[in-house]
């Protein structure tokens, strides 16, 4: 059983999933930040491989990826960080966010590497459904879950196909545009989760822009099985580069408050 399957099958429990760019701002500090969130009670993690042209990410995560690359983080370094996290947390669901160019350059051996270090699921945010056939086949062949993404304007029929094509969970994009903290969401963003829930009982996880405990609760209550918070944590790192202990403390408090 995929670790995400086990997480979503816990009766009455919704999942909170923090996102971190691997290597931001340095490898060592990145590991401390990720561990702070996990130790505070995160149900899973989504980890981003830094990329030079992150087209679905807004300025906050773009700067996060730039800091990681500037610190010397490499693709191989990211794989080794995942290996270390898996060794520390054997039962933790781990999802990866990659841009397709990274997988294209690495080739098919990437999927075997992901399986070997204990990755549970992968999302390529710039890989459309129509071009994802071989990607999905390789994930399935190595026992790794596929994550498809549903946009705010995705027609119902296509949304059903995306949900059907997801084997770990379906990533529901909460708003138009790129990633980045949002002060508030339109009511339809929450209502749309409820409408998607009518299509299937497969796991739905909402992300993009969520930056408060109240927003997390709203999407959980609308029927989401999980919620991802990422840019908000990247912003905490950016604001506290001179004292990352402050960022770790705020991340710890956020996760504990959500989980309580």
C-alpha atoms as a PDB file:
ATOM      1  CA  UNK A   1       0.000   0.000   0.000  1.00  0.00           C
ATOM      2  CA  UNK A   2       1.246   3.458  -0.894  1.00  0.00           C
ATOM      3  CA  UNK A   3       1.892   5.511   2.232  1.00  0.00           C
ATOM      4  CA  UNK A   4      -0.521   8.174   0.975  1.00  0.00           C
ATOM      5  CA  UNK A   5      -3.251   5.513   0.815  1.00  0.00           C
ATOM      6  CA  UNK A   6      -2.675   4.734   4.473  1.00  0.00           C
ATOM      7  CA  UNK A   7      -2.718   8.425   5.406  1.00  0.00           C
ATOM      8  CA  UNK A   8      -6.032   9.112   3.671  1.00  0.00           C
ATOM      9  CA  UNK A   9      -7.696   6.025   5.121  1.00  0.00           C
ATOM     10  CA  UNK A  10      -7.446   7.178   8.729  1.00  0.00           C
ATOM     11  CA  UNK A  11     -11.081   7.637   9.818  1.00  0.00           C
ATOM     12  CA  UNK A  12     -11.990  11.207  10.664  1.00  0.00           C
ATOM     13  CA  UNK A  13      -8.516  12.619  10.043  1.00  0.00           C
ATOM     14  CA  UNK A  14      -7.646  15.155   7.373  1.00  0.00           C
ATOM     15  CA  UNK A  15      -4.065  15.519   6.152  1.00  0.00           C
ATOM     16  CA  UNK A  16      -1.848  18.570   6.462  1.00  0.00           C
ATOM     17  CA  UNK A  17       1.025  18.575   3.970  1.00  0.00           C
ATOM     18  CA  UNK A  18       3.760  21.234   4.068  1.00  0.00           C
ATOM     19  CA  UNK A  19       5.793  21.986   0.944  1.00  0.00           C
ATOM     20  CA  UNK A  20       9.480  22.844   1.016  1.00  0.00           C
ATOM     21  CA  UNK A  21      12.021  23.512  -1.706  1.00  0.00           C
ATOM     22  CA  UNK A  22      14.883  21.119  -1.082  1.00  0.00           C
ATOM     23  CA  UNK A  23      18.064  23.036  -0.305  1.00  0.00           C
ATOM     24  CA  UNK A  24      16.467  26.377   0.609  1.00  0.00           C
ATOM     25  CA  UNK A  25      18.392  28.287   1.867  1.00  0.00           C
ATOM     26  CA  UNK A  26      21.098  25.625   2.316  1.00  0.00           C
ATOM     27  CA  UNK A  27      21.031  21.858   2.503  1.00  0.00           C
ATOM     28  CA  UNK A  28      21.563  21.760   6.271  1.00  0.00           C
ATOM     29  CA  UNK A  29      19.044  24.483   7.057  1.00  0.00           C
ATOM     30  CA  UNK A  30      16.522  22.979   4.656  1.00  0.00           C
ATOM     31  CA  UNK A  31      16.704  19.681   6.508  1.00  0.00           C
ATOM     32  CA  UNK A  32      16.147  21.442   9.839  1.00  0.00           C
ATOM     33  CA  UNK A  33      13.068  23.253   8.490  1.00  0.00           C
ATOM     34  CA  UNK A  34      11.566  20.088   7.018  1.00  0.00           C
ATOM     35  CA  UNK A  35      12.162  18.151  10.222  1.00  0.00           C
ATOM     36  CA  UNK A  36      10.564  20.938  12.264  1.00  0.00           C
ATOM     37  CA  UNK A  37       7.342  20.581  10.269  1.00  0.00           C
ATOM     38  CA  UNK A  38       7.332  16.788  10.419  1.00  0.00           C
ATOM     39  CA  UNK A  39       8.097  16.656  14.133  1.00  0.00           C
ATOM     40  CA  UNK A  40       5.304  19.161  14.784  1.00  0.00           C
ATOM     41  CA  UNK A  41       2.772  16.737  13.299  1.00  0.00           C
ATOM     42  CA  UNK A  42       2.692  17.054   9.506  1.00  0.00           C
ATOM     43  CA  UNK A  43       0.926  14.065   7.969  1.00  0.00           C
ATOM     44  CA  UNK A  44       3.097  14.033   4.830  1.00  0.00           C
ATOM     45  CA  UNK A  45       5.494  16.300   2.954  1.00  0.00           C
ATOM     46  CA  UNK A  46       5.711  17.620  -0.573  1.00  0.00           C
ATOM     47  CA  UNK A  47       9.307  18.350  -1.583  1.00  0.00           C
ATOM     48  CA  UNK A  48      10.282  20.477  -4.550  1.00  0.00           C
ATOM     49  CA  UNK A  49      13.360  19.949  -6.674  1.00  0.00           C
ATOM     50  CA  UNK A  50      14.654  23.447  -7.473  1.00  0.00           C
ATOM     51  CA  UNK A  51      14.439  24.425 -11.135  1.00  0.00           C
ATOM     52  CA  UNK A  52      15.609  27.514 -12.991  1.00  0.00           C
ATOM     53  CA  UNK A  53      12.289  28.180 -14.768  1.00  0.00           C
ATOM     54  CA  UNK A  54       9.460  27.229 -12.376  1.00  0.00           C
ATOM     55  CA  UNK A  55       6.542  28.359 -14.546  1.00  0.00           C
ATOM     56  CA  UNK A  56       3.730  27.447 -12.137  1.00  0.00           C
ATOM     57  CA  UNK A  57       5.385  29.115  -9.153  1.00  0.00           C
ATOM     58  CA  UNK A  58       5.020  32.746  -8.170  1.00  0.00           C
ATOM     59  CA  UNK A  59       7.765  35.105  -6.949  1.00  0.00           C
ATOM     60  CA  UNK A  60       8.009  33.651  -3.428  1.00  0.00           C
ATOM     61  CA  UNK A  61       8.744  30.079  -4.518  1.00  0.00           C
ATOM     62  CA  UNK A  62      10.820  31.322  -7.449  1.00  0.00           C
ATOM     63  CA  UNK A  63      13.112  33.051  -4.963  1.00  0.00           C
ATOM     64  CA  UNK A  64      13.105  29.927  -2.809  1.00  0.00           C
ATOM     65  CA  UNK A  65      14.314  27.839  -5.739  1.00  0.00           C
ATOM     66  CA  UNK A  66      16.883  30.480  -6.659  1.00  0.00           C
ATOM     67  CA  UNK A  67      18.288  30.417  -3.119  1.00  0.00           C
ATOM     68  CA  UNK A  68      18.536  26.638  -3.270  1.00  0.00           C
ATOM     69  CA  UNK A  69      20.324  26.607  -6.614  1.00  0.00           C
ATOM     70  CA  UNK A  70      22.626  29.430  -5.505  1.00  0.00           C
ATOM     71  CA  UNK A  71      23.600  27.430  -2.429  1.00  0.00           C
ATOM     72  CA  UNK A  72      24.848  24.640  -4.682  1.00  0.00           C
ATOM     73  CA  UNK A  73      21.890  22.254  -4.488  1.00  0.00           C
ATOM     74  CA  UNK A  74      21.830  19.742  -7.350  1.00  0.00           C
ATOM     75  CA  UNK A  75      19.471  17.045  -8.577  1.00  0.00           C
ATOM     76  CA  UNK A  76      21.660  14.384  -6.957  1.00  0.00           C
ATOM     77  CA  UNK A  77      21.686  16.407  -3.762  1.00  0.00           C
ATOM     78  CA  UNK A  78      17.892  16.432  -3.730  1.00  0.00           C
ATOM     79  CA  UNK A  79      17.742  12.661  -4.159  1.00  0.00           C
ATOM     80  CA  UNK A  80      20.119  12.222  -1.244  1.00  0.00           C
ATOM     81  CA  UNK A  81      18.051  14.566   0.932  1.00  0.00           C
ATOM     82  CA  UNK A  82      14.966  12.451   0.201  1.00  0.00           C
ATOM     83  CA  UNK A  83      16.932   9.338   1.114  1.00  0.00           C
ATOM     84  CA  UNK A  84      17.890  10.930   4.446  1.00  0.00           C
ATOM     85  CA  UNK A  85      14.324  12.000   5.217  1.00  0.00           C
ATOM     86  CA  UNK A  86      13.022   8.515   4.436  1.00  0.00           C
ATOM     87  CA  UNK A  87      15.580   6.967   6.778  1.00  0.00           C
ATOM     88  CA  UNK A  88      14.469   9.286   9.583  1.00  0.00           C
ATOM     89  CA  UNK A  89      10.723   8.859   8.939  1.00  0.00           C
ATOM     90  CA  UNK A  90      10.009   5.359   7.553  1.00  0.00           C
ATOM     91  CA  UNK A  91       6.208   5.733   7.548  1.00  0.00           C
ATOM     92  CA  UNK A  92       5.914   9.317   6.316  1.00  0.00           C
ATOM     93  CA  UNK A  93       4.262   9.825   2.901  1.00  0.00           C
ATOM     94  CA  UNK A  94       6.681  11.741   0.650  1.00  0.00           C
ATOM     95  CA  UNK A  95       5.557  13.440  -2.542  1.00  0.00           C
ATOM     96  CA  UNK A  96       7.820  15.212  -5.011  1.00  0.00           C
ATOM     97  CA  UNK A  97       7.152  18.262  -7.153  1.00  0.00           C
ATOM     98  CA  UNK A  98       9.339  18.385 -10.257  1.00  0.00           C
ATOM     99  CA  UNK A  99       9.280  20.245 -13.509  1.00  0.00           C
ATOM    100  CA  UNK A 100       9.234  17.979 -16.542  1.00  0.00           C
ATOM    101  CA  UNK A 101      12.601  19.135 -17.878  1.00  0.00           C
ATOM    102  CA  UNK A 102      14.336  17.595 -14.868  1.00  0.00           C
ATOM    103  CA  UNK A 103      12.775  14.196 -15.510  1.00  0.00           C
ATOM    104  CA  UNK A 104      13.385  14.477 -19.247  1.00  0.00           C
ATOM    105  CA  UNK A 105      17.082  15.138 -18.684  1.00  0.00           C
ATOM    106  CA  UNK A 106      17.451  12.388 -16.068  1.00  0.00           C
ATOM    107  CA  UNK A 107      15.623   9.845 -18.182  1.00  0.00           C
ATOM    108  CA  UNK A 108      13.835   6.707 -17.109  1.00  0.00           C
ATOM    109  CA  UNK A 109      16.406   5.902 -14.412  1.00  0.00           C
ATOM    110  CA  UNK A 110      14.851   8.729 -12.366  1.00  0.00           C
ATOM    111  CA  UNK A 111      11.857   6.552 -11.523  1.00  0.00           C
ATOM    112  CA  UNK A 112      13.988   3.688 -10.256  1.00  0.00           C
ATOM    113  CA  UNK A 113      15.952   6.163  -8.134  1.00  0.00           C
ATOM    114  CA  UNK A 114      12.746   7.576  -6.641  1.00  0.00           C
ATOM    115  CA  UNK A 115      11.524   4.095  -5.753  1.00  0.00           C
ATOM    116  CA  UNK A 116      14.887   3.204  -4.231  1.00  0.00           C
ATOM    117  CA  UNK A 117      14.922   6.231  -1.886  1.00  0.00           C
ATOM    118  CA  UNK A 118      11.290   5.765  -0.847  1.00  0.00           C
ATOM    119  CA  UNK A 119       9.271   8.331  -2.803  1.00  0.00           C
ATOM    120  CA  UNK A 120       5.513   7.718  -2.665  1.00  0.00           C
ATOM    121  CA  UNK A 121       4.166  10.069  -5.342  1.00  0.00           C
ATOM    122  CA  UNK A 122       5.240  12.576  -7.994  1.00  0.00           C
ATOM    123  CA  UNK A 123       3.564  15.589  -9.594  1.00  0.00           C
ATOM    124  CA  UNK A 124       4.909  17.379 -12.679  1.00  0.00           C
ATOM    125  CA  UNK A 125       3.101  20.684 -12.665  1.00  0.00           C
ATOM    126  CA  UNK A 126       3.948  21.491 -16.305  1.00  0.00           C
ATOM    127  CA  UNK A 127       3.115  18.061 -17.779  1.00  0.00           C
ATOM    128  CA  UNK A 128      -0.391  17.986 -19.325  1.00  0.00           C
ATOM    129  CA  UNK A 129      -2.573  14.894 -19.090  1.00  0.00           C
ATOM    130  CA  UNK A 130      -2.312  14.202 -22.824  1.00  0.00           C
ATOM    131  CA  UNK A 131       1.497  13.971 -22.641  1.00  0.00           C
ATOM    132  CA  UNK A 132       1.777  12.117 -19.339  1.00  0.00           C
ATOM    133  CA  UNK A 133       1.182   8.561 -20.533  1.00  0.00           C
ATOM    134  CA  UNK A 134       4.769   7.295 -20.370  1.00  0.00           C
ATOM    135  CA  UNK A 135       5.382   9.206 -17.131  1.00  0.00           C
ATOM    136  CA  UNK A 136       2.400   7.501 -15.501  1.00  0.00           C
ATOM    137  CA  UNK A 137       3.459   4.098 -16.818  1.00  0.00           C
ATOM    138  CA  UNK A 138       6.922   4.476 -15.315  1.00  0.00           C
ATOM    139  CA  UNK A 139       5.542   5.641 -11.974  1.00  0.00           C
ATOM    140  CA  UNK A 140       3.206   2.644 -11.859  1.00  0.00           C
ATOM    141  CA  UNK A 141       5.969   0.232 -12.854  1.00  0.00           C
ATOM    142  CA  UNK A 142       8.012   1.381  -9.855  1.00  0.00           C
ATOM    143  CA  UNK A 143       5.153   1.479  -7.360  1.00  0.00           C
ATOM    144  CA  UNK A 144       5.029   5.280  -7.180  1.00  0.00           C
ATOM    145  CA  UNK A 145       1.760   7.194  -7.114  1.00  0.00           C
ATOM    146  CA  UNK A 146       0.803   9.641  -9.850  1.00  0.00           C
ATOM    147  CA  UNK A 147      -0.598  13.069  -8.985  1.00  0.00           C
ATOM    148  CA  UNK A 148      -2.599  14.970 -11.609  1.00  0.00           C
ATOM    149  CA  UNK A 149      -3.620  18.617 -11.184  1.00  0.00           C
ATOM    150  CA  UNK A 150      -7.063  20.192 -11.619  1.00  0.00           C
ATOM    151  CA  UNK A 151      -7.188  23.915 -12.430  1.00  0.00           C
ATOM    152  CA  UNK A 152     -10.001  26.282 -11.386  1.00  0.00           C
ATOM    153  CA  UNK A 153     -11.403  26.329 -14.942  1.00  0.00           C
ATOM    154  CA  UNK A 154     -11.076  22.595 -15.662  1.00  0.00           C
ATOM    155  CA  UNK A 155     -14.364  21.302 -17.172  1.00  0.00           C
ATOM    156  CA  UNK A 156     -16.170  18.624 -15.186  1.00  0.00           C
ATOM    157  CA  UNK A 157     -15.542  15.860 -17.728  1.00  0.00           C
ATOM    158  CA  UNK A 158     -11.819  16.575 -17.811  1.00  0.00           C
ATOM    159  CA  UNK A 159     -11.680  16.831 -14.010  1.00  0.00           C
ATOM    160  CA  UNK A 160     -13.144  13.339 -13.797  1.00  0.00           C
ATOM    161  CA  UNK A 161     -10.419  12.072 -16.172  1.00  0.00           C
ATOM    162  CA  UNK A 162      -7.701  13.731 -14.085  1.00  0.00           C
ATOM    163  CA  UNK A 163      -9.048  12.220 -10.885  1.00  0.00           C
ATOM    164  CA  UNK A 164      -9.234   8.819 -12.550  1.00  0.00           C
ATOM    165  CA  UNK A 165      -5.620   9.229 -13.720  1.00  0.00           C
ATOM    166  CA  UNK A 166      -4.334   9.979 -10.221  1.00  0.00           C
ATOM    167  CA  UNK A 167      -3.191   7.030  -8.144  1.00  0.00           C
ATOM    168  CA  UNK A 168      -1.967   8.826  -4.996  1.00  0.00           C
ATOM    169  CA  UNK A 169      -4.212  11.887  -4.870  1.00  0.00           C
ATOM    170  CA  UNK A 170      -5.453  14.640  -7.159  1.00  0.00           C
ATOM    171  CA  UNK A 171      -3.988  18.103  -6.630  1.00  0.00           C
ATOM    172  CA  UNK A 172      -6.781  20.696  -6.729  1.00  0.00           C
ATOM    173  CA  UNK A 173      -5.399  24.144  -7.576  1.00  0.00           C
ATOM    174  CA  UNK A 174      -7.300  26.585  -5.394  1.00  0.00           C
ATOM    175  CA  UNK A 175      -7.093  29.688  -7.597  1.00  0.00           C
ATOM    176  CA  UNK A 176      -6.006  31.088 -10.932  1.00  0.00           C
ATOM    177  CA  UNK A 177      -2.370  32.113 -11.322  1.00  0.00           C
ATOM    178  CA  UNK A 178       0.787  30.843  -9.697  1.00  0.00           C
ATOM    179  CA  UNK A 179       1.720  29.819  -6.172  1.00  0.00           C
ATOM    180  CA  UNK A 180       1.929  32.473  -3.457  1.00  0.00           C
ATOM    181  CA  UNK A 181       0.193  33.343  -0.163  1.00  0.00           C
ATOM    182  CA  UNK A 182      -3.403  34.600  -0.467  1.00  0.00           C
ATOM    183  CA  UNK A 183      -5.146  36.752   2.127  1.00  0.00           C
ATOM    184  CA  UNK A 184      -8.523  35.317   1.120  1.00  0.00           C
ATOM    185  CA  UNK A 185     -10.157  33.043  -1.408  1.00  0.00           C
ATOM    186  CA  UNK A 186     -13.314  33.474  -3.438  1.00  0.00           C
ATOM    187  CA  UNK A 187     -16.203  31.444  -2.058  1.00  0.00           C
ATOM    188  CA  UNK A 188     -16.271  29.401  -5.260  1.00  0.00           C
ATOM    189  CA  UNK A 189     -12.793  28.031  -4.500  1.00  0.00           C
ATOM    190  CA  UNK A 190     -14.206  26.240  -1.463  1.00  0.00           C
ATOM    191  CA  UNK A 191     -17.478  25.288  -3.168  1.00  0.00           C
ATOM    192  CA  UNK A 192     -15.550  23.791  -6.094  1.00  0.00           C
ATOM    193  CA  UNK A 193     -13.955  21.243  -3.773  1.00  0.00           C
ATOM    194  CA  UNK A 194     -17.421  20.115  -2.725  1.00  0.00           C
ATOM    195  CA  UNK A 195     -18.457  19.790  -6.388  1.00  0.00           C
ATOM    196  CA  UNK A 196     -15.363  17.759  -7.219  1.00  0.00           C
ATOM    197  CA  UNK A 197     -16.062  15.529  -4.248  1.00  0.00           C
ATOM    198  CA  UNK A 198     -19.319  14.522  -5.963  1.00  0.00           C
ATOM    199  CA  UNK A 199     -17.320  13.078  -8.882  1.00  0.00           C
ATOM    200  CA  UNK A 200     -15.293  10.577  -6.883  1.00  0.00           C
ATOM    201  CA  UNK A 201     -14.345   9.398  -3.416  1.00  0.00           C
ATOM    202  CA  UNK A 202     -10.649   9.292  -4.390  1.00  0.00           C
ATOM    203  CA  UNK A 203      -8.393  11.640  -2.358  1.00  0.00           C
ATOM    204  CA  UNK A 204      -8.427  15.346  -3.204  1.00  0.00           C
ATOM    205  CA  UNK A 205      -5.700  17.650  -1.893  1.00  0.00           C
ATOM    206  CA  UNK A 206      -5.921  21.442  -2.237  1.00  0.00           C
ATOM    207  CA  UNK A 207      -2.947  23.748  -2.714  1.00  0.00           C
ATOM    208  CA  UNK A 208      -1.767  27.145  -4.046  1.00  0.00           C
ATOM    209  CA  UNK A 209      -1.947  30.216  -1.858  1.00  0.00           C
ATOM    210  CA  UNK A 210      -3.162  28.737   1.422  1.00  0.00           C
ATOM    211  CA  UNK A 211      -1.532  30.643   4.248  1.00  0.00           C
ATOM    212  CA  UNK A 212      -3.704  30.501   7.375  1.00  0.00           C
ATOM    213  CA  UNK A 213      -5.121  27.904   9.721  1.00  0.00           C
ATOM    214  CA  UNK A 214      -8.632  29.145   8.925  1.00  0.00           C
ATOM    215  CA  UNK A 215      -8.124  28.551   5.201  1.00  0.00           C
ATOM    216  CA  UNK A 216      -6.877  25.030   5.907  1.00  0.00           C
ATOM    217  CA  UNK A 217     -10.011  24.318   7.956  1.00  0.00           C
ATOM    218  CA  UNK A 218     -12.299  25.766   5.267  1.00  0.00           C
ATOM    219  CA  UNK A 219     -10.950  23.414   2.607  1.00  0.00           C
ATOM    220  CA  UNK A 220     -10.997  20.434   4.945  1.00  0.00           C
ATOM    221  CA  UNK A 221     -14.621  21.174   5.808  1.00  0.00           C
ATOM    222  CA  UNK A 222     -15.509  21.460   2.115  1.00  0.00           C
ATOM    223  CA  UNK A 223     -14.417  17.861   1.566  1.00  0.00           C
ATOM    224  CA  UNK A 224     -10.692  18.034   0.828  1.00  0.00           C
ATOM    225  CA  UNK A 225      -8.746  15.067   2.163  1.00  0.00           C
ATOM    226  CA  UNK A 226      -5.633  17.166   2.535  1.00  0.00           C
ATOM    227  CA  UNK A 227      -4.263  20.688   2.248  1.00  0.00           C
ATOM    228  CA  UNK A 228      -0.799  21.799   1.117  1.00  0.00           C
ATOM    229  CA  UNK A 229       0.869  24.939   2.474  1.00  0.00           C
ATOM    230  CA  UNK A 230       4.106  25.935   0.774  1.00  0.00           C
ATOM    231  CA  UNK A 231       4.661  29.548  -0.276  1.00  0.00           C
ATOM    232  CA  UNK A 232       3.790  30.760   3.211  1.00  0.00           C
ATOM    233  CA  UNK A 233       6.620  28.669   4.656  1.00  0.00           C
ATOM    234  CA  UNK A 234       8.986  29.811   1.894  1.00  0.00           C
ATOM    235  CA  UNK A 235       8.118  33.383   2.857  1.00  0.00           C
ATOM    236  CA  UNK A 236       8.898  32.670   6.513  1.00  0.00           C
ATOM    237  CA  UNK A 237      12.321  31.413   5.438  1.00  0.00           C
ATOM    238  CA  UNK A 238      12.910  34.505   3.305  1.00  0.00           C
ATOM    239  CA  UNK A 239      11.966  36.886   6.094  1.00  0.00           C
ATOM    240  CA  UNK A 240      14.221  35.165   8.619  1.00  0.00           C
ATOM    241  CA  UNK A 241      17.381  34.342   6.700  1.00  0.00           C
ATOM    242  CA  UNK A 242      19.445  35.978   9.441  1.00  0.00           C
ATOM    243  CA  UNK A 243      17.823  33.828  12.133  1.00  0.00           C
ATOM    244  CA  UNK A 244      16.224  30.682  10.754  1.00  0.00           C
ATOM    245  CA  UNK A 245      15.405  29.551  14.260  1.00  0.00           C
ATOM    246  CA  UNK A 246      12.535  32.042  14.086  1.00  0.00           C
ATOM    247  CA  UNK A 247      11.263  30.428  10.868  1.00  0.00           C
ATOM    248  CA  UNK A 248      11.473  26.959  12.411  1.00  0.00           C
ATOM    249  CA  UNK A 249       9.559  28.150  15.474  1.00  0.00           C
ATOM    250  CA  UNK A 250       6.798  29.721  13.387  1.00  0.00           C
ATOM    251  CA  UNK A 251       6.511  26.627  11.198  1.00  0.00           C
ATOM    252  CA  UNK A 252       6.331  24.436  14.299  1.00  0.00           C
ATOM    253  CA  UNK A 253       3.599  26.606  15.810  1.00  0.00           C
ATOM    254  CA  UNK A 254       1.594  26.721  12.570  1.00  0.00           C
ATOM    255  CA  UNK A 255       1.626  22.946  12.127  1.00  0.00           C
ATOM    256  CA  UNK A 256       0.788  22.256  15.775  1.00  0.00           C
ATOM    257  CA  UNK A 257      -2.087  24.756  15.683  1.00  0.00           C
ATOM    258  CA  UNK A 258      -3.533  23.161  12.538  1.00  0.00           C
ATOM    259  CA  UNK A 259      -3.191  19.658  13.904  1.00  0.00           C
ATOM    260  CA  UNK A 260      -4.764  20.565  17.218  1.00  0.00           C
END
